[in-house]
Amino acid sequence: MAAEQDMRFPPGYLDKAQQFAAGSARASIDPLPGPLVDAFLPEPLRAAGLELRPLVMTDIALLKRLDHPILRELAELQKPEGDRKPVPFGEEDMLELLYCWTRPVREARAALAGGRQAFREIALSATGDLMPAGALADTAQILEALGANFRNAFATALRYQAKSPEGGAVFTKPPASGQPMASAGG
């Protein structure tokens, strides 16, 4: 049988095919190589030595329930520059975000179930109460990492949002049922 196979394929073809199959099997079992992983999954952001997880939809719902200043700041940024008012944002607000984005969202949701003040107490106990006072010197870096984490959640949508000739956004509302996307501008 082996002689018959040798006659159907060029010399060395079966050996190469077997090597390829073995390599393919190994590749499907082994984790992705570092550079490929890094290209698609960049290093996670860190703040105060803690890894920040990417935002999920529930994070926004939690921030709304908290009436968190970061959302009020975003609302101010939507206004014309002359109409914007400063939004107070203190260390405790920063630590709340750090708490939310360094643990599973279900943990933050459970903490908020006890009410706004209970949430703040849990967040401060889990973050600021465990950090040395010298960490205040890192406040700018922590805020930058938290801001970057928030921006990353919306980066693609913001970067690729088309602009109309009048300067407004295109496709700001979903199309009516059965209507093609190209004619759904608004």
N, C-alpha and C. Protein backbone atom coordinates (compact mmCIF):
# COMPACT_ATOMS: atom_id res chain seq x y z
N MET A 1 0.82 -1.19 0.00
CA MET A 1 0.00 0.00 0.00
C MET A 1 0.87 1.25 0.00
N ALA A 2 1.98 1.21 0.74
CA ALA A 2 2.86 2.38 0.80
C ALA A 2 3.44 2.68 -0.57
N ALA A 3 3.78 1.65 -1.33
CA ALA A 3 4.34 1.88 -2.65
C ALA A 3 3.30 2.53 -3.55
N GLU A 4 2.02 2.11 -3.40
CA GLU A 4 0.95 2.69 -4.20
C GLU A 4 0.78 4.19 -3.87
N GLN A 5 0.87 4.56 -2.58
CA GLN A 5 0.75 5.95 -2.18
C GLN A 5 1.91 6.77 -2.72
N ASP A 6 3.12 6.20 -2.70
CA ASP A 6 4.29 6.91 -3.21
C ASP A 6 4.10 7.26 -4.68
N MET A 7 3.41 6.42 -5.44
CA MET A 7 3.25 6.66 -6.85
C MET A 7 2.20 7.75 -7.11
N ARG A 8 1.26 7.94 -6.17
CA ARG A 8 0.22 8.96 -6.38
C ARG A 8 0.70 10.37 -6.01
N PHE A 9 1.73 10.46 -5.17
CA PHE A 9 2.18 11.76 -4.67
C PHE A 9 3.65 11.95 -5.02
N PRO A 10 4.08 13.18 -5.19
CA PRO A 10 5.50 13.43 -5.45
C PRO A 10 6.34 12.96 -4.27
N PRO A 11 7.61 12.67 -4.49
CA PRO A 11 8.48 12.20 -3.40
C PRO A 11 8.53 13.24 -2.26
N GLY A 12 8.39 12.78 -1.02
CA GLY A 12 8.47 13.64 0.15
C GLY A 12 7.17 14.35 0.51
N TYR A 13 6.17 14.24 -0.38
CA TYR A 13 4.91 14.96 -0.13
C TYR A 13 4.22 14.45 1.12
N LEU A 14 4.13 13.14 1.27
CA LEU A 14 3.43 12.57 2.44
C LEU A 14 4.14 12.93 3.74
N ASP A 15 5.49 12.94 3.73
CA ASP A 15 6.22 13.32 4.94
C ASP A 15 5.91 14.77 5.32
N LYS A 16 5.90 15.65 4.33
CA LYS A 16 5.60 17.05 4.60
C LYS A 16 4.16 17.22 5.08
N ALA A 17 3.23 16.48 4.50
CA ALA A 17 1.82 16.56 4.91
C ALA A 17 1.66 16.09 6.35
N GLN A 18 2.38 15.03 6.72
CA GLN A 18 2.30 14.53 8.10
C GLN A 18 2.91 15.54 9.08
N GLN A 19 4.01 16.16 8.69
CA GLN A 19 4.62 17.18 9.54
C GLN A 19 3.68 18.38 9.71
N PHE A 20 3.05 18.76 8.62
CA PHE A 20 2.11 19.88 8.69
C PHE A 20 0.94 19.54 9.61
N ALA A 21 0.40 18.33 9.47
CA ALA A 21 -0.73 17.91 10.31
C ALA A 21 -0.32 17.88 11.78
N ALA A 22 0.87 17.38 12.06
CA ALA A 22 1.34 17.35 13.45
C ALA A 22 1.53 18.77 13.98
N GLY A 23 2.10 19.64 13.18
CA GLY A 23 2.28 21.03 13.59
C GLY A 23 0.95 21.73 13.79
N SER A 24 0.00 21.44 12.93
CA SER A 24 -1.33 22.03 13.05
C SER A 24 -2.01 21.57 14.33
N ALA A 25 -1.86 20.32 14.66
CA ALA A 25 -2.45 19.80 15.90
C ALA A 25 -1.81 20.48 17.12
N ARG A 26 -0.48 20.64 17.09
CA ARG A 26 0.20 21.33 18.20
C ARG A 26 -0.26 22.77 18.31
N ALA A 27 -0.39 23.45 17.18
CA ALA A 27 -0.79 24.86 17.17
C ALA A 27 -2.20 25.05 17.73
N SER A 28 -3.06 24.07 17.49
CA SER A 28 -4.43 24.22 17.99
C SER A 28 -4.51 23.94 19.49
N ILE A 29 -3.50 23.30 20.05
CA ILE A 29 -3.47 23.01 21.48
C ILE A 29 -2.70 24.09 22.24
N ASP A 30 -1.59 24.54 21.68
CA ASP A 30 -0.74 25.53 22.36
C ASP A 30 -1.41 26.89 22.37
N PRO A 31 -1.15 27.69 23.42
CA PRO A 31 -1.70 29.05 23.43
C PRO A 31 -1.08 29.88 22.31
N LEU A 32 -1.77 30.93 21.97
CA LEU A 32 -1.28 31.80 20.90
C LEU A 32 0.11 32.34 21.23
N PRO A 33 0.92 32.57 20.22
CA PRO A 33 2.24 33.15 20.47
C PRO A 33 2.11 34.58 20.99
N GLY A 34 3.06 34.99 21.80
CA GLY A 34 3.06 36.31 22.43
C GLY A 34 2.77 37.47 21.51
N PRO A 35 3.50 37.64 20.40
CA PRO A 35 3.25 38.80 19.54
C PRO A 35 1.83 38.86 19.00
N LEU A 36 1.27 37.70 18.67
CA LEU A 36 -0.09 37.67 18.14
C LEU A 36 -1.07 38.05 19.24
N VAL A 37 -0.87 37.52 20.44
CA VAL A 37 -1.73 37.87 21.57
C VAL A 37 -1.62 39.37 21.84
N ASP A 38 -0.41 39.89 21.86
CA ASP A 38 -0.21 41.31 22.14
C ASP A 38 -0.87 42.20 21.10
N ALA A 39 -0.90 41.74 19.84
CA ALA A 39 -1.50 42.54 18.78
C ALA A 39 -3.01 42.66 18.98
N PHE A 40 -3.63 41.58 19.45
CA PHE A 40 -5.08 41.59 19.61
C PHE A 40 -5.52 41.85 21.04
N LEU A 41 -4.69 41.54 22.00
CA LEU A 41 -5.00 41.76 23.41
C LEU A 41 -3.84 42.52 24.05
N PRO A 42 -3.83 43.83 23.92
CA PRO A 42 -2.71 44.59 24.48
C PRO A 42 -2.68 44.49 26.00
N GLU A 43 -1.57 44.89 26.56
CA GLU A 43 -1.42 44.87 28.02
C GLU A 43 -2.57 45.62 28.66
N PRO A 44 -3.15 45.04 29.70
CA PRO A 44 -4.24 45.75 30.38
C PRO A 44 -3.70 47.00 31.08
N LEU A 45 -4.57 47.98 31.21
CA LEU A 45 -4.19 49.20 31.93
C LEU A 45 -4.06 48.87 33.41
N ARG A 46 -3.18 49.62 34.08
CA ARG A 46 -2.98 49.44 35.51
C ARG A 46 -3.09 50.80 36.18
N ALA A 47 -3.64 50.79 37.39
CA ALA A 47 -3.73 52.01 38.20
C ALA A 47 -3.44 51.61 39.63
N ALA A 48 -2.52 52.30 40.26
CA ALA A 48 -2.13 52.01 41.64
C ALA A 48 -1.70 50.55 41.80
N GLY A 49 -1.08 50.01 40.75
CA GLY A 49 -0.61 48.63 40.79
C GLY A 49 -1.70 47.60 40.55
N LEU A 50 -2.91 48.03 40.29
CA LEU A 50 -4.04 47.12 40.08
C LEU A 50 -4.42 47.09 38.61
N GLU A 51 -4.76 45.91 38.12
CA GLU A 51 -5.15 45.75 36.72
C GLU A 51 -6.59 46.19 36.53
N LEU A 52 -6.82 47.06 35.56
CA LEU A 52 -8.17 47.52 35.25
C LEU A 52 -8.78 46.60 34.21
N ARG A 53 -9.98 46.15 34.47
CA ARG A 53 -10.67 45.33 33.48
C ARG A 53 -11.40 46.25 32.51
N PRO A 54 -11.64 45.78 31.28
CA PRO A 54 -12.39 46.60 30.32
C PRO A 54 -13.81 46.84 30.82
N LEU A 55 -14.37 47.96 30.44
CA LEU A 55 -15.74 48.28 30.83
C LEU A 55 -16.74 47.40 30.11
N VAL A 56 -17.84 47.15 30.79
CA VAL A 56 -18.96 46.42 30.20
C VAL A 56 -20.21 47.29 30.37
N MET A 57 -21.27 46.91 29.74
CA MET A 57 -22.50 47.69 29.77
C MET A 57 -22.98 47.95 31.20
N THR A 58 -22.86 46.97 32.04
CA THR A 58 -23.33 47.12 33.43
C THR A 58 -22.56 48.21 34.16
N ASP A 59 -21.31 48.45 33.79
CA ASP A 59 -20.55 49.53 34.43
C ASP A 59 -21.26 50.87 34.25
N ILE A 60 -21.76 51.12 33.05
CA ILE A 60 -22.43 52.38 32.79
C ILE A 60 -23.71 52.46 33.62
N ALA A 61 -24.45 51.36 33.71
CA ALA A 61 -25.66 51.34 34.53
C ALA A 61 -25.33 51.62 35.99
N LEU A 62 -24.23 51.04 36.49
CA LEU A 62 -23.82 51.29 37.87
C LEU A 62 -23.43 52.75 38.07
N LEU A 63 -22.68 53.30 37.13
CA LEU A 63 -22.27 54.70 37.24
C LEU A 63 -23.49 55.63 37.24
N LYS A 64 -24.51 55.26 36.47
CA LYS A 64 -25.74 56.06 36.47
C LYS A 64 -26.42 55.97 37.83
N ARG A 65 -26.52 54.77 38.38
CA ARG A 65 -27.15 54.60 39.69
C ARG A 65 -26.37 55.34 40.77
N LEU A 66 -25.06 55.40 40.62
CA LEU A 66 -24.22 56.12 41.58
C LEU A 66 -24.29 57.63 41.37
N ASP A 67 -24.82 58.07 40.24
CA ASP A 67 -24.75 59.47 39.83
C ASP A 67 -23.29 59.92 39.92
N HIS A 68 -22.42 59.10 39.32
CA HIS A 68 -20.98 59.33 39.43
C HIS A 68 -20.56 60.57 38.64
N PRO A 69 -19.63 61.34 39.20
CA PRO A 69 -19.17 62.57 38.52
C PRO A 69 -18.60 62.35 37.13
N ILE A 70 -18.08 61.17 36.84
CA ILE A 70 -17.51 60.95 35.50
C ILE A 70 -18.59 61.09 34.43
N LEU A 71 -19.81 60.65 34.74
CA LEU A 71 -20.90 60.79 33.78
C LEU A 71 -21.37 62.24 33.69
N ARG A 72 -21.35 62.96 34.81
CA ARG A 72 -21.70 64.38 34.77
C ARG A 72 -20.66 65.16 33.97
N GLU A 73 -19.41 64.76 34.10
CA GLU A 73 -18.33 65.40 33.32
C GLU A 73 -18.55 65.17 31.83
N LEU A 74 -18.93 63.96 31.46
CA LEU A 74 -19.21 63.66 30.06
C LEU A 74 -20.37 64.51 29.55
N ALA A 75 -21.39 64.68 30.37
CA ALA A 75 -22.53 65.51 29.98
C ALA A 75 -22.08 66.95 29.75
N GLU A 76 -21.19 67.44 30.59
CA GLU A 76 -20.68 68.81 30.42
C GLU A 76 -19.88 68.94 29.13
N LEU A 77 -19.14 67.90 28.78
CA LEU A 77 -18.32 67.94 27.57
C LEU A 77 -19.17 67.98 26.30
N GLN A 78 -20.44 67.59 26.42
CA GLN A 78 -21.34 67.63 25.26
C GLN A 78 -21.85 69.05 25.00
N LYS A 79 -21.71 69.92 25.98
CA LYS A 79 -22.20 71.29 25.86
C LYS A 79 -21.18 72.15 25.11
N PRO A 80 -21.63 73.27 24.56
CA PRO A 80 -20.66 74.21 23.96
C PRO A 80 -19.66 74.64 25.04
N GLU A 81 -18.43 74.88 24.63
CA GLU A 81 -17.35 75.16 25.58
C GLU A 81 -17.68 76.28 26.55
N GLY A 82 -18.34 77.32 26.11
CA GLY A 82 -18.66 78.44 26.97
C GLY A 82 -19.73 78.13 28.02
N ASP A 83 -20.51 77.07 27.79
CA ASP A 83 -21.60 76.72 28.71
C ASP A 83 -21.20 75.66 29.75
N ARG A 84 -20.00 75.14 29.64
CA ARG A 84 -19.57 74.06 30.54
C ARG A 84 -19.28 74.59 31.94
N LYS A 85 -19.64 73.77 32.92
CA LYS A 85 -19.37 74.08 34.31
C LYS A 85 -18.48 72.98 34.88
N PRO A 86 -17.56 73.35 35.79
CA PRO A 86 -16.69 72.32 36.37
C PRO A 86 -17.50 71.32 37.21
N VAL A 87 -17.09 70.08 37.17
CA VAL A 87 -17.73 69.03 37.95
C VAL A 87 -16.75 68.62 39.05
N PRO A 88 -17.15 68.75 40.31
CA PRO A 88 -16.25 68.33 41.40
C PRO A 88 -15.96 66.83 41.29
N PHE A 89 -14.70 66.48 41.46
CA PHE A 89 -14.27 65.09 41.36
C PHE A 89 -13.16 64.90 42.38
N GLY A 90 -13.45 64.22 43.48
CA GLY A 90 -12.48 64.06 44.55
C GLY A 90 -11.83 62.69 44.58
N GLU A 91 -10.95 62.52 45.56
CA GLU A 91 -10.24 61.25 45.71
C GLU A 91 -11.19 60.09 45.92
N GLU A 92 -12.26 60.31 46.69
CA GLU A 92 -13.20 59.22 46.92
C GLU A 92 -13.91 58.80 45.64
N ASP A 93 -14.20 59.75 44.77
CA ASP A 93 -14.79 59.43 43.46
C ASP A 93 -13.82 58.58 42.64
N MET A 94 -12.55 58.96 42.69
CA MET A 94 -11.52 58.21 41.98
C MET A 94 -11.43 56.78 42.52
N LEU A 95 -11.48 56.64 43.83
CA LEU A 95 -11.37 55.32 44.44
C LEU A 95 -12.59 54.46 44.14
N GLU A 96 -13.75 55.08 43.98
CA GLU A 96 -14.94 54.31 43.57
C GLU A 96 -14.73 53.69 42.19
N LEU A 97 -14.20 54.48 41.25
CA LEU A 97 -13.92 53.93 39.92
C LEU A 97 -12.88 52.84 39.99
N LEU A 98 -11.87 53.06 40.78
CA LEU A 98 -10.82 52.05 40.94
C LEU A 98 -11.42 50.75 41.47
N TYR A 99 -12.30 50.88 42.44
CA TYR A 99 -12.99 49.70 42.98
C TYR A 99 -13.79 49.00 41.90
N CYS A 100 -14.61 49.76 41.18
CA CYS A 100 -15.48 49.17 40.16
C CYS A 100 -14.71 48.44 39.07
N TRP A 101 -13.60 49.01 38.65
CA TRP A 101 -12.91 48.50 37.47
C TRP A 101 -11.75 47.57 37.78
N THR A 102 -11.60 47.18 39.06
CA THR A 102 -10.53 46.23 39.41
C THR A 102 -11.09 44.94 39.98
N ARG A 103 -12.38 44.75 39.88
CA ARG A 103 -13.01 43.52 40.35
C ARG A 103 -14.17 43.17 39.45
N PRO A 104 -14.69 41.97 39.59
CA PRO A 104 -15.83 41.60 38.73
C PRO A 104 -17.01 42.55 38.96
N VAL A 105 -17.72 42.87 37.90
CA VAL A 105 -18.81 43.83 37.98
C VAL A 105 -19.90 43.36 38.95
N ARG A 106 -20.08 42.06 39.07
CA ARG A 106 -21.12 41.57 39.99
C ARG A 106 -20.80 41.93 41.43
N GLU A 107 -19.52 42.06 41.76
CA GLU A 107 -19.13 42.47 43.11
C GLU A 107 -19.51 43.93 43.36
N ALA A 108 -19.27 44.79 42.39
CA ALA A 108 -19.66 46.20 42.52
C ALA A 108 -21.18 46.33 42.58
N ARG A 109 -21.86 45.53 41.77
CA ARG A 109 -23.33 45.56 41.76
C ARG A 109 -23.88 45.14 43.13
N ALA A 110 -23.28 44.11 43.72
CA ALA A 110 -23.71 43.66 45.04
C ALA A 110 -23.44 44.72 46.10
N ALA A 111 -22.32 45.41 45.99
CA ALA A 111 -22.00 46.47 46.95
C ALA A 111 -23.01 47.60 46.85
N LEU A 112 -23.45 47.92 45.64
CA LEU A 112 -24.41 49.00 45.45
C LEU A 112 -25.81 48.61 45.91
N ALA A 113 -26.08 47.33 46.02
CA ALA A 113 -27.40 46.88 46.48
C ALA A 113 -27.69 47.40 47.89
N GLY A 114 -26.65 47.67 48.66
CA GLY A 114 -26.82 48.21 50.01
C GLY A 114 -27.04 49.71 50.05
N GLY A 115 -27.05 50.37 48.90
CA GLY A 115 -27.26 51.81 48.84
C GLY A 115 -25.98 52.55 48.51
N ARG A 116 -26.14 53.82 48.20
CA ARG A 116 -25.01 54.66 47.75
C ARG A 116 -23.92 54.77 48.81
N GLN A 117 -24.30 55.07 50.04
CA GLN A 117 -23.29 55.24 51.09
C GLN A 117 -22.60 53.93 51.43
N ALA A 118 -23.35 52.84 51.45
CA ALA A 118 -22.75 51.52 51.71
C ALA A 118 -21.74 51.19 50.60
N PHE A 119 -22.09 51.52 49.36
CA PHE A 119 -21.19 51.28 48.24
C PHE A 119 -19.88 52.05 48.44
N ARG A 120 -20.00 53.33 48.77
CA ARG A 120 -18.80 54.15 48.95
C ARG A 120 -17.92 53.57 50.06
N GLU A 121 -18.52 53.15 51.15
CA GLU A 121 -17.76 52.58 52.27
C GLU A 121 -17.02 51.31 51.83
N ILE A 122 -17.70 50.45 51.11
CA ILE A 122 -17.07 49.21 50.62
C ILE A 122 -15.95 49.55 49.65
N ALA A 123 -16.20 50.49 48.74
CA ALA A 123 -15.18 50.86 47.75
C ALA A 123 -13.95 51.44 48.42
N LEU A 124 -14.14 52.32 49.39
CA LEU A 124 -12.99 52.93 50.07
C LEU A 124 -12.24 51.91 50.91
N SER A 125 -12.97 51.00 51.55
CA SER A 125 -12.33 49.96 52.37
C SER A 125 -11.47 49.04 51.50
N ALA A 126 -11.93 48.77 50.29
CA ALA A 126 -11.23 47.84 49.41
C ALA A 126 -10.10 48.48 48.62
N THR A 127 -10.06 49.81 48.59
CA THR A 127 -9.03 50.48 47.79
C THR A 127 -8.20 51.42 48.67
N GLY A 128 -8.71 52.59 48.91
CA GLY A 128 -7.96 53.63 49.62
C GLY A 128 -7.49 53.24 51.01
N ASP A 129 -8.29 52.44 51.73
CA ASP A 129 -7.89 52.03 53.08
C ASP A 129 -6.67 51.11 53.06
N LEU A 130 -6.41 50.53 51.90
CA LEU A 130 -5.28 49.58 51.79
C LEU A 130 -4.05 50.21 51.15
N MET A 131 -4.16 51.45 50.70
CA MET A 131 -3.04 52.11 50.00
C MET A 131 -2.29 53.01 50.97
N PRO A 132 -0.98 53.05 50.83
CA PRO A 132 -0.23 53.98 51.67
C PRO A 132 -0.54 55.42 51.27
N ALA A 133 -0.35 56.33 52.20
CA ALA A 133 -0.64 57.75 51.94
C ALA A 133 0.17 58.27 50.76
N GLY A 134 1.34 57.71 50.53
CA GLY A 134 2.19 58.14 49.42
C GLY A 134 1.54 57.92 48.06
N ALA A 135 0.50 57.08 48.02
CA ALA A 135 -0.19 56.83 46.75
C ALA A 135 -0.88 58.09 46.24
N LEU A 136 -1.11 59.06 47.13
CA LEU A 136 -1.71 60.32 46.68
C LEU A 136 -0.83 61.01 45.64
N ALA A 137 0.47 60.76 45.71
CA ALA A 137 1.39 61.33 44.72
C ALA A 137 1.12 60.76 43.33
N ASP A 138 0.49 59.58 43.28
CA ASP A 138 0.19 58.92 42.00
C ASP A 138 -1.20 59.24 41.49
N THR A 139 -1.88 60.19 42.12
CA THR A 139 -3.26 60.50 41.73
C THR A 139 -3.38 60.82 40.24
N ALA A 140 -2.48 61.60 39.70
CA ALA A 140 -2.55 61.96 38.27
C ALA A 140 -2.44 60.72 37.40
N GLN A 141 -1.52 59.80 37.75
CA GLN A 141 -1.37 58.56 36.98
C GLN A 141 -2.62 57.69 37.11
N ILE A 142 -3.17 57.62 38.29
CA ILE A 142 -4.38 56.81 38.51
C ILE A 142 -5.54 57.38 37.68
N LEU A 143 -5.71 58.70 37.74
CA LEU A 143 -6.78 59.33 36.97
C LEU A 143 -6.58 59.14 35.47
N GLU A 144 -5.34 59.22 35.02
CA GLU A 144 -5.06 59.01 33.59
C GLU A 144 -5.42 57.59 33.18
N ALA A 145 -5.05 56.60 34.00
CA ALA A 145 -5.37 55.20 33.68
C ALA A 145 -6.88 54.98 33.69
N LEU A 146 -7.57 55.54 34.67
CA LEU A 146 -9.03 55.40 34.73
C LEU A 146 -9.68 56.06 33.52
N GLY A 147 -9.20 57.25 33.15
CA GLY A 147 -9.72 57.94 31.98
C GLY A 147 -9.46 57.15 30.70
N ALA A 148 -8.26 56.60 30.59
CA ALA A 148 -7.92 55.80 29.40
C ALA A 148 -8.81 54.56 29.31
N ASN A 149 -9.09 53.94 30.45
CA ASN A 149 -9.96 52.76 30.47
C ASN A 149 -11.36 53.14 29.97
N PHE A 150 -11.84 54.28 30.41
CA PHE A 150 -13.16 54.75 29.99
C PHE A 150 -13.14 55.08 28.50
N ARG A 151 -12.13 55.80 28.04
CA ARG A 151 -12.02 56.16 26.61
C ARG A 151 -11.89 54.92 25.75
N ASN A 152 -11.12 53.93 26.20
CA ASN A 152 -10.94 52.70 25.42
C ASN A 152 -12.26 51.99 25.15
N ALA A 153 -13.18 52.09 26.10
CA ALA A 153 -14.47 51.43 25.93
C ALA A 153 -15.24 51.99 24.75
N PHE A 154 -15.00 53.26 24.43
CA PHE A 154 -15.76 53.92 23.37
C PHE A 154 -14.88 54.36 22.21
N ALA A 155 -13.63 53.99 22.21
CA ALA A 155 -12.67 54.48 21.22
C ALA A 155 -13.08 54.18 19.79
N THR A 156 -13.47 52.97 19.51
CA THR A 156 -13.82 52.61 18.14
C THR A 156 -15.03 53.41 17.67
N ALA A 157 -16.05 53.50 18.51
CA ALA A 157 -17.25 54.24 18.12
C ALA A 157 -16.93 55.71 17.89
N LEU A 158 -16.09 56.29 18.73
CA LEU A 158 -15.76 57.70 18.58
C LEU A 158 -14.84 57.95 17.39
N ARG A 159 -13.89 57.07 17.19
CA ARG A 159 -12.92 57.25 16.12
C ARG A 159 -13.54 57.12 14.74
N TYR A 160 -14.51 56.22 14.61
CA TYR A 160 -15.04 55.94 13.28
C TYR A 160 -16.43 56.51 13.05
N GLN A 161 -16.89 57.39 13.91
CA GLN A 161 -18.19 58.00 13.69
C GLN A 161 -18.07 58.99 12.55
N ALA A 162 -18.87 58.78 11.53
CA ALA A 162 -18.83 59.65 10.36
C ALA A 162 -19.43 61.01 10.69
N LYS A 163 -18.99 62.04 10.01
CA LYS A 163 -19.51 63.39 10.19
C LYS A 163 -20.27 63.79 8.93
N SER A 164 -21.37 64.47 9.14
CA SER A 164 -22.14 64.96 8.00
C SER A 164 -21.48 66.25 7.50
N PRO A 165 -21.80 66.69 6.31
CA PRO A 165 -21.22 67.94 5.80
C PRO A 165 -21.53 69.14 6.71
N GLU A 166 -22.64 69.09 7.45
CA GLU A 166 -23.00 70.19 8.34
C GLU A 166 -22.25 70.11 9.67
N GLY A 167 -21.47 69.08 9.88
CA GLY A 167 -20.70 68.94 11.10
C GLY A 167 -21.34 68.04 12.14
N GLY A 168 -22.57 67.60 11.93
CA GLY A 168 -23.24 66.70 12.87
C GLY A 168 -22.89 65.26 12.58
N ALA A 169 -23.23 64.40 13.50
CA ALA A 169 -22.95 62.98 13.32
C ALA A 169 -23.95 62.35 12.36
N VAL A 170 -23.49 61.37 11.63
CA VAL A 170 -24.33 60.61 10.73
C VAL A 170 -24.73 59.32 11.44
N PHE A 171 -25.91 58.81 11.16
CA PHE A 171 -26.41 57.56 11.73
C PHE A 171 -26.48 57.63 13.26
N THR A 172 -27.05 58.70 13.76
CA THR A 172 -27.17 58.83 15.21
C THR A 172 -28.40 58.11 15.75
N LYS A 173 -29.31 57.68 14.86
CA LYS A 173 -30.45 56.90 15.32
C LYS A 173 -30.57 55.68 14.42
N PRO A 174 -31.12 54.59 14.97
CA PRO A 174 -31.23 53.38 14.15
C PRO A 174 -32.24 53.57 13.03
N PRO A 175 -32.07 52.84 11.93
CA PRO A 175 -33.01 52.97 10.82
C PRO A 175 -34.37 52.40 11.19
N ALA A 176 -35.41 52.89 10.53
CA ALA A 176 -36.73 52.32 10.69
C ALA A 176 -36.69 50.89 10.17
N SER A 177 -37.53 50.07 10.68
CA SER A 177 -37.56 48.67 10.29
C SER A 177 -37.69 48.54 8.78
N GLY A 178 -36.81 47.76 8.19
CA GLY A 178 -36.82 47.53 6.75
C GLY A 178 -36.16 48.61 5.94
N GLN A 179 -35.73 49.70 6.57
CA GLN A 179 -35.09 50.79 5.85
C GLN A 179 -33.58 50.54 5.81
N PRO A 180 -32.93 50.69 4.64
CA PRO A 180 -31.48 50.44 4.58
C PRO A 180 -30.71 51.48 5.38
N MET A 181 -29.55 51.08 5.92
CA MET A 181 -28.72 51.95 6.75
C MET A 181 -28.35 53.24 6.03
N ALA A 182 -28.05 53.20 4.75
CA ALA A 182 -27.56 54.38 4.05
C ALA A 182 -28.56 55.52 4.06
N SER A 183 -29.83 55.21 4.20
CA SER A 183 -30.83 56.28 4.19
C SER A 183 -31.37 56.58 5.57
N ALA A 184 -30.68 56.11 6.61
CA ALA A 184 -31.19 56.26 7.98
C ALA A 184 -30.58 57.42 8.71
N GLY A 185 -29.86 58.30 8.05
CA GLY A 185 -29.20 59.40 8.74
C GLY A 185 -30.19 60.26 9.50
N GLY A 186 -29.65 61.00 10.46
CA GLY A 186 -30.57 61.81 11.22
C GLY A 186 -29.86 62.67 12.08
